């Protein structure tokens, strides 16, 4: 019996080693979202540019759209920003910016100097909306269908590869479904 007790730490060590080894093969960009297939959670936050003006989920039109969490403190957001500007000029879908755990003055200044790709900017100073959506950090992007249902979550900066291989095909499919449903 005493000899078996000596093997307990070894068994625990081996179990943890196997668990951690499996983690080496996970893709950190692919995050399961408990909210995929569920409606966008209710929120009531201020517009970034106009303190006091409240925005809720009901203010987002019934269209396939992207919700992009970003911040001035986020280097990957700065990398992603020119690509979002290009997408907004192509007018493929509305892109809603959620300024996440940031300083309002800095965020407004950055959008004025670097350009504003967003249809609407929402200020999530305390990260409440991010918490409701399970955001780990910025940038994170959610694809929402015309019924307000979250269809996909992407963690990391959007670039040409992510857009053409993952996001755009899904958006095209959702827009086709919206047309069949009679939505714009």
Protein backbone atom coordinates (compact mmCIF):
# COMPACT_ATOMS: atom_id res chain seq x y z
CA UNK A 1 0.00 0.00 0.00
CA UNK A 2 2.82 2.42 0.87
CA UNK A 3 4.46 1.75 -2.49
CA UNK A 4 1.22 2.63 -4.34
CA UNK A 5 1.06 5.97 -2.54
CA UNK A 6 4.48 6.81 -3.99
CA UNK A 7 3.08 6.50 -7.53
CA UNK A 8 0.23 9.01 -7.01
CA UNK A 9 2.39 12.09 -7.79
CA UNK A 10 3.72 10.34 -10.89
CA UNK A 11 0.20 9.51 -12.08
CA UNK A 12 -0.92 13.12 -11.53
CA UNK A 13 2.14 14.42 -13.38
CA UNK A 14 1.51 12.08 -16.35
CA UNK A 15 -2.19 13.04 -16.46
CA UNK A 16 -1.37 16.76 -16.53
CA UNK A 17 1.34 16.16 -19.15
CA UNK A 18 -1.13 14.44 -21.47
CA UNK A 19 -3.68 17.22 -20.98
CA UNK A 20 -1.14 19.96 -21.73
CA UNK A 21 0.30 18.05 -24.71
CA UNK A 22 -3.16 17.98 -26.33
CA UNK A 23 -3.36 21.76 -25.94
CA UNK A 24 -0.35 22.17 -28.22
CA UNK A 25 -2.49 21.14 -31.18
CA UNK A 26 -5.41 23.53 -30.59
CA UNK A 27 -5.84 26.58 -32.83
CA UNK A 28 -6.13 29.69 -30.60
CA UNK A 29 -7.98 31.54 -33.40
CA UNK A 30 -10.81 29.00 -33.29
CA UNK A 31 -12.80 29.64 -30.16
CA UNK A 32 -15.98 27.82 -29.37
CA UNK A 33 -18.72 30.27 -28.68
CA UNK A 34 -21.59 29.24 -26.47
CA UNK A 35 -23.55 32.02 -28.15
CA UNK A 36 -23.28 30.76 -31.73
CA UNK A 37 -26.82 30.06 -32.89
CA UNK A 38 -28.27 32.35 -30.21
CA UNK A 39 -29.49 35.95 -30.39
CA UNK A 40 -27.12 38.81 -29.81
CA UNK A 41 -27.41 39.55 -26.06
CA UNK A 42 -29.31 42.62 -25.00
CA UNK A 43 -27.12 45.63 -24.33
CA UNK A 44 -27.45 49.32 -23.58
CA UNK A 45 -24.26 51.29 -24.15
CA UNK A 46 -23.30 54.77 -25.29
CA UNK A 47 -22.22 55.75 -28.77
CA UNK A 48 -18.49 56.31 -28.80
CA UNK A 49 -18.62 59.79 -30.34
CA UNK A 50 -21.64 61.09 -28.39
CA UNK A 51 -21.60 60.42 -24.64
CA UNK A 52 -25.10 60.04 -23.26
CA UNK A 53 -26.61 58.77 -26.53
CA UNK A 54 -27.61 55.19 -25.80
CA UNK A 55 -27.56 52.33 -28.28
CA UNK A 56 -29.21 48.94 -27.83
CA UNK A 57 -29.26 45.76 -29.87
CA UNK A 58 -32.57 46.98 -31.33
CA UNK A 59 -30.73 49.87 -33.02
CA UNK A 60 -28.81 47.44 -35.22
CA UNK A 61 -30.71 46.92 -38.49
CA UNK A 62 -31.91 43.45 -39.47
CA UNK A 63 -29.01 42.80 -41.85
CA UNK A 64 -26.10 40.41 -41.96
CA UNK A 65 -23.39 42.34 -40.13
CA UNK A 66 -20.02 42.18 -38.42
CA UNK A 67 -19.43 43.26 -34.85
CA UNK A 68 -15.75 44.05 -34.29
CA UNK A 69 -14.22 44.56 -30.84
CA UNK A 70 -11.22 46.90 -31.00
CA UNK A 71 -9.15 49.20 -28.81
CA UNK A 72 -6.39 51.79 -29.15
CA UNK A 73 -4.17 49.73 -26.82
CA UNK A 74 -4.39 46.70 -29.16
CA UNK A 75 -1.49 46.27 -31.65
CA UNK A 76 -3.39 43.60 -33.64
CA UNK A 77 -6.30 46.06 -34.03
CA UNK A 78 -3.92 48.57 -35.62
CA UNK A 79 -2.79 45.84 -38.04
CA UNK A 80 -6.41 44.98 -38.87
CA UNK A 81 -7.63 48.58 -39.22
CA UNK A 82 -6.56 49.27 -42.85
CA UNK A 83 -8.27 46.07 -43.97
CA UNK A 84 -11.50 47.07 -42.21
CA UNK A 85 -11.29 50.46 -43.94
CA UNK A 86 -11.03 48.72 -47.30
CA UNK A 87 -14.00 46.47 -46.47
CA UNK A 88 -16.13 49.43 -45.41
CA UNK A 89 -15.42 51.19 -48.73
CA UNK A 90 -16.64 48.09 -50.57
CA UNK A 91 -19.94 48.38 -48.65
CA UNK A 92 -20.45 44.62 -48.39
CA UNK A 93 -22.10 44.70 -44.98
CA UNK A 94 -22.40 46.97 -41.94
CA UNK A 95 -19.45 46.78 -39.55
CA UNK A 96 -20.24 47.80 -35.99
CA UNK A 97 -17.25 48.79 -33.88
CA UNK A 98 -17.23 48.04 -30.18
CA UNK A 99 -14.51 50.10 -28.54
CA UNK A 100 -13.50 47.68 -25.81
CA UNK A 101 -12.11 48.70 -22.39
CA UNK A 102 -10.55 51.84 -23.78
CA UNK A 103 -10.41 55.58 -23.24
CA UNK A 104 -13.07 57.42 -25.20
CA UNK A 105 -10.90 60.44 -26.11
CA UNK A 106 -8.09 58.24 -27.44
CA UNK A 107 -10.50 56.09 -29.45
CA UNK A 108 -12.26 59.06 -31.07
CA UNK A 109 -8.91 60.65 -31.90
CA UNK A 110 -7.63 57.43 -33.48
CA UNK A 111 -10.71 57.08 -35.69
CA UNK A 112 -10.38 60.70 -36.80
CA UNK A 113 -6.71 60.32 -37.72
CA UNK A 114 -6.68 56.74 -39.07
CA UNK A 115 -10.16 56.63 -40.61
CA UNK A 116 -13.42 55.16 -39.38
CA UNK A 117 -14.51 51.87 -40.98
CA UNK A 118 -17.53 51.44 -38.72
CA UNK A 119 -21.19 51.99 -39.50
CA UNK A 120 -21.64 52.77 -35.80
CA UNK A 121 -19.22 52.93 -32.87
CA UNK A 122 -20.31 51.69 -29.48
CA UNK A 123 -18.34 52.43 -26.30
CA UNK A 124 -17.86 49.41 -24.01
CA UNK A 125 -15.67 51.10 -21.39
CA UNK A 126 -16.15 48.45 -18.70
CA UNK A 127 -16.27 45.48 -21.07
CA UNK A 128 -19.87 44.54 -20.20
CA UNK A 129 -20.85 43.65 -23.76
CA UNK A 130 -17.54 41.89 -24.25
CA UNK A 131 -18.20 39.85 -21.12
CA UNK A 132 -21.70 38.94 -22.33
CA UNK A 133 -20.22 37.73 -25.63
CA UNK A 134 -17.29 35.92 -24.01
CA UNK A 135 -14.65 38.15 -25.56
CA UNK A 136 -11.11 37.19 -24.54
CA UNK A 137 -9.48 40.31 -25.96
CA UNK A 138 -9.33 42.52 -28.99
CA UNK A 139 -9.69 42.15 -31.87
CA UNK A 140 -12.59 39.72 -31.97
CA UNK A 141 -15.25 39.69 -34.63
CA UNK A 142 -18.75 38.23 -34.62
CA UNK A 143 -20.86 37.57 -37.69
CA UNK A 144 -24.55 38.19 -36.98
CA UNK A 145 -27.31 37.17 -39.40
CA UNK A 146 -30.34 39.22 -40.47
CA UNK A 147 -32.36 37.79 -37.56
CA UNK A 148 -29.84 38.99 -34.97
CA UNK A 149 -28.43 35.48 -34.43
CA UNK A 150 -24.69 35.10 -33.82
CA UNK A 151 -23.43 32.77 -36.52
CA UNK A 152 -19.64 32.90 -36.11
CA UNK A 153 -16.89 34.18 -33.86
CA UNK A 154 -13.34 34.94 -34.97
CA UNK A 155 -10.52 35.90 -32.59
CA UNK A 156 -7.61 37.80 -34.07
CA UNK A 157 -7.05 40.38 -36.79
CA UNK A 158 -8.93 40.10 -40.07
CA UNK A 159 -6.71 40.09 -43.13
CA UNK A 160 -7.06 38.98 -46.76
CA UNK A 161 -6.67 35.27 -45.95
CA UNK A 162 -9.18 35.27 -43.10
CA UNK A 163 -11.61 37.30 -45.19
CA UNK A 164 -11.47 35.22 -48.38
CA UNK A 165 -11.22 31.79 -46.80
CA UNK A 166 -13.49 32.10 -43.79
CA UNK A 167 -15.58 35.22 -43.32
CA UNK A 168 -16.66 36.26 -46.81
CA UNK A 169 -17.99 32.85 -47.91
CA UNK A 170 -20.07 32.68 -44.73
CA UNK A 171 -21.32 36.24 -45.19
CA UNK A 172 -22.32 35.53 -48.81
CA UNK A 173 -24.26 32.47 -47.67
CA UNK A 174 -26.02 34.40 -44.90
CA UNK A 175 -26.87 37.26 -47.28
CA UNK A 176 -28.37 34.75 -49.74
CA UNK A 177 -30.46 33.26 -46.93
CA UNK A 178 -31.59 36.76 -45.94
CA UNK A 179 -32.76 37.44 -49.52
CA UNK A 180 -34.72 34.19 -49.52
CA UNK A 181 -36.35 35.28 -46.24
CA UNK A 182 -37.23 38.63 -47.82
CA UNK A 183 -34.82 40.66 -45.68
CA UNK A 184 -32.58 43.27 -47.27
